[in-house]
Structures are given as C-alpha cells and as structure tokens.
C-alpha cells in the first residue's frame, strides 16, 4: 500500500526537483492520515496555464501561486443498476483501487516573485505551496481567521517534520 505522487514539470521558468517535492507531499499526506493506495498529481505549470485555471475554476483574473483540485466524494458504484456496486468479471477488489485525492498545481514563476516579497528562498516558498496545496486537497481552508491560523500552524508543523529549509 502506498501513496503515489504523479509529478510533472510543465514549465521552463524555474528548475524544479520533482523527487524532493513529491517526497514532501507524500510526507504531508501520510501525516494527515492518508493510508492505503492513494494518488495525487503535483503539477508545476507556467503562468498562462495557471491563469487559465484560476479564471476557469476560481473566477479570478491572472496567475496565482497554487491551486488545489480535490476529487470530492466516493467513487460512483460500478455495475448495472440492479446490482449496482457489484464487481464484474475481472474488476479489481476495492482494496486494489487507489483513492484519487486530487491535483495540486503550482506556478514556479509566481512562487519566485512571492519568495522575494516574503523574504524567503524560492525553495522555501515552493515547500510551503506544496504543503498548502496538499492540505487544501484534504479539506483544510483559510476562509476565516481562525481556520487560517490553524492551517498555518499545521503547515509549519509539516514543514518542520518533512522539509529541510533552504537558507539561500
């Protein structure tokens, strides 16, 4: 049983260490109680791609640093209506079907600008975005101050546990 992170670097603005960020995402997911077969996509996108996603799904103009797309709910039962949910010939058992958690899309170009503004290294900014995105996949939010404080505290706990901060 494992958590699979499907990481892709689909931009050319910054160099990205996919293994490093995949391990961080996996650590955060494990600490948040994800068990068994699970899948998350971690995509590093250019500004135009994330701006399009931001407009389409959030109704916001322009690029952003991170977007999370949780796959909500349980999978629909398979099979015909009379035996809905019954496994047909050759179907894997439910224990063998991975839980699809969702996608995290990060824009390194925006992260690089934010790192300067936040006075942190690019790597530290990306690390925060990976953890932030994973927490959003798992239902964390920061719409109100109390939630934001809890989420920020959890981000720092996960980063302290799974990430060695960069000093540059």
Protein backbone atom coordinates (compact mmCIF):
# COMPACT_ATOMS: atom_id res chain seq x y z
CA UNK A 1 0.00 0.00 0.00
CA UNK A 2 1.44 3.32 -0.99
CA UNK A 3 0.76 6.93 -1.80
CA UNK A 4 1.71 7.68 -5.40
CA UNK A 5 2.60 11.22 -6.35
CA UNK A 6 2.47 11.84 -10.08
CA UNK A 7 4.69 14.89 -10.51
CA UNK A 8 5.13 16.82 -13.74
CA UNK A 9 7.18 19.89 -14.59
CA UNK A 10 5.30 21.65 -17.38
CA UNK A 11 7.10 25.00 -17.22
CA UNK A 12 10.52 26.43 -18.03
CA UNK A 13 10.80 29.43 -15.66
CA UNK A 14 12.47 27.67 -12.72
CA UNK A 15 14.34 24.44 -12.14
CA UNK A 16 12.16 22.01 -10.19
CA UNK A 17 13.28 18.95 -8.21
CA UNK A 18 10.24 16.71 -8.71
CA UNK A 19 11.52 14.00 -6.35
CA UNK A 20 12.03 16.46 -3.50
CA UNK A 21 8.55 17.94 -3.79
CA UNK A 22 6.93 14.53 -4.27
CA UNK A 23 8.52 13.30 -1.03
CA UNK A 24 7.29 16.40 0.81
CA UNK A 25 3.75 15.91 -0.50
CA UNK A 26 3.83 12.21 0.45
CA UNK A 27 5.02 13.05 3.98
CA UNK A 28 2.26 15.61 4.45
CA UNK A 29 -0.39 13.20 3.17
CA UNK A 30 0.84 10.44 5.48
CA UNK A 31 0.85 12.76 8.50
CA UNK A 32 -2.69 13.82 7.61
CA UNK A 33 -3.85 10.21 7.86
CA UNK A 34 -3.95 9.13 4.22
CA UNK A 35 -3.47 5.36 4.17
CA UNK A 36 -3.50 2.61 1.59
CA UNK A 37 -3.40 3.13 -2.13
CA UNK A 38 -3.76 6.82 -2.94
CA UNK A 39 -2.85 9.10 -5.82
CA UNK A 40 -2.11 12.81 -6.04
CA UNK A 41 -0.90 14.80 -9.03
CA UNK A 42 1.64 17.55 -8.38
CA UNK A 43 1.95 19.77 -11.45
CA UNK A 44 4.33 22.68 -11.92
CA UNK A 45 2.77 24.94 -14.56
CA UNK A 46 3.60 28.16 -16.37
CA UNK A 47 1.82 31.44 -15.72
CA UNK A 48 -0.57 31.25 -18.67
CA UNK A 49 -1.73 27.75 -17.70
CA UNK A 50 -2.37 28.62 -14.06
CA UNK A 51 -4.02 31.91 -15.07
CA UNK A 52 -6.42 29.95 -17.29
CA UNK A 53 -7.18 27.52 -14.44
CA UNK A 54 -7.58 30.40 -11.98
CA UNK A 55 -10.11 32.07 -14.29
CA UNK A 56 -11.98 28.88 -15.14
CA UNK A 57 -12.28 27.41 -11.64
CA UNK A 58 -11.89 30.34 -9.24
CA UNK A 59 -13.28 33.22 -11.34
CA UNK A 60 -10.08 35.17 -10.66
CA UNK A 61 -8.01 37.08 -13.22
CA UNK A 62 -4.32 36.40 -13.68
CA UNK A 63 -1.84 33.83 -12.42
CA UNK A 64 -1.73 32.61 -8.83
CA UNK A 65 0.84 30.60 -6.89
CA UNK A 66 -1.09 27.39 -6.14
CA UNK A 67 -4.43 25.79 -6.92
CA UNK A 68 -5.81 22.57 -5.48
CA UNK A 69 -8.42 20.40 -7.12
CA UNK A 70 -9.72 17.80 -4.67
CA UNK A 71 -11.64 14.88 -6.05
CA UNK A 72 -14.66 15.07 -3.82
CA UNK A 73 -16.69 12.17 -2.61
CA UNK A 74 -16.51 8.46 -3.06
CA UNK A 75 -16.34 6.86 -6.48
CA UNK A 76 -19.68 6.03 -8.07
CA UNK A 77 -20.63 2.38 -7.74
CA UNK A 78 -19.86 0.28 -10.76
CA UNK A 79 -22.06 -2.36 -12.30
CA UNK A 80 -25.58 -2.37 -13.65
CA UNK A 81 -28.39 -0.74 -11.75
CA UNK A 82 -29.87 -3.98 -10.33
CA UNK A 83 -26.52 -4.98 -8.90
CA UNK A 84 -25.00 -1.52 -8.52
CA UNK A 85 -21.68 -1.74 -6.82
CA UNK A 86 -21.17 -5.42 -7.58
CA UNK A 87 -17.84 -6.26 -9.06
CA UNK A 88 -17.98 -7.64 -12.54
CA UNK A 89 -15.62 -10.18 -14.04
CA UNK A 90 -12.05 -9.00 -13.96
CA UNK A 91 -12.68 -5.93 -11.82
CA UNK A 92 -10.11 -5.31 -9.09
CA UNK A 93 -11.23 -5.56 -5.50
CA UNK A 94 -11.94 -2.26 -3.76
CA UNK A 95 -8.73 -2.64 -1.75
CA UNK A 96 -6.75 -2.54 -5.01
CA UNK A 97 -8.40 0.62 -6.37
CA UNK A 98 -6.43 3.72 -5.39
CA UNK A 99 -8.11 6.63 -3.67
CA UNK A 100 -7.82 9.57 -6.09
CA UNK A 101 -7.20 12.53 -3.82
CA UNK A 102 -6.74 15.29 -6.39
CA UNK A 103 -4.34 17.63 -8.13
CA UNK A 104 -2.09 20.41 -6.86
CA UNK A 105 -0.94 22.91 -9.48
CA UNK A 106 1.93 25.25 -8.57
CA UNK A 107 3.31 28.13 -10.63
CA UNK A 108 7.07 28.48 -10.02
CA UNK A 109 7.21 31.91 -11.71
CA UNK A 110 4.68 33.32 -9.23
CA UNK A 111 6.40 31.45 -6.37
CA UNK A 112 9.71 33.09 -7.31
CA UNK A 113 8.15 36.58 -7.11
CA UNK A 114 6.40 35.73 -3.83
CA UNK A 115 9.65 34.42 -2.34
CA UNK A 116 11.22 37.86 -2.84
CA UNK A 117 8.19 39.58 -1.31
CA UNK A 118 8.11 37.12 1.63
CA UNK A 119 11.91 37.35 2.04
CA UNK A 120 12.41 33.59 1.80
CA UNK A 121 14.25 31.36 -0.65
CA UNK A 122 12.48 30.06 -3.73
CA UNK A 123 12.74 26.50 -2.35
CA UNK A 124 11.14 27.52 0.96
CA UNK A 125 8.28 29.19 -0.91
CA UNK A 126 7.69 26.10 -3.08
CA UNK A 127 7.80 23.87 0.01
CA UNK A 128 5.08 25.96 1.64
CA UNK A 129 2.97 25.83 -1.54
CA UNK A 130 3.28 22.04 -1.77
CA UNK A 131 2.10 21.59 1.82
CA UNK A 132 -0.56 24.28 1.46
CA UNK A 133 -1.91 22.62 -1.67
CA UNK A 134 -1.97 19.18 -0.06
CA UNK A 135 -3.87 20.49 2.95
CA UNK A 136 -6.47 22.05 0.64
CA UNK A 137 -6.90 18.66 -1.07
CA UNK A 138 -7.72 17.19 2.34
CA UNK A 139 -10.35 19.79 3.20
CA UNK A 140 -8.33 22.42 5.06
CA UNK A 141 -9.31 26.02 4.35
CA UNK A 142 -8.42 29.55 5.38
CA UNK A 143 -11.58 31.48 4.60
CA UNK A 144 -11.89 32.82 8.15
CA UNK A 145 -9.13 33.94 10.51
CA UNK A 146 -9.47 31.00 12.92
CA UNK A 147 -9.20 28.48 10.08
CA UNK A 148 -6.26 30.39 8.60
CA UNK A 149 -4.38 30.27 11.92
CA UNK A 150 -4.98 26.52 12.30
CA UNK A 151 -3.93 25.86 8.70
CA UNK A 152 -0.77 27.98 9.00
CA UNK A 153 0.17 26.21 12.23
CA UNK A 154 -0.31 22.80 10.58
CA UNK A 155 1.74 23.89 7.56
CA UNK A 156 4.61 24.84 9.85
CA UNK A 157 4.38 21.50 11.71
CA UNK A 158 4.50 19.55 8.45
CA UNK A 159 7.35 21.63 7.07
CA UNK A 160 9.36 21.20 10.29
CA UNK A 161 8.87 17.47 10.07
CA UNK A 162 9.40 16.84 6.34
CA UNK A 163 11.41 19.71 4.90
CA UNK A 164 14.90 20.99 5.49
CA UNK A 165 14.63 24.73 4.93
CA UNK A 166 16.93 26.37 2.44
CA UNK A 167 18.92 29.34 3.70
CA UNK A 168 19.67 30.83 0.29
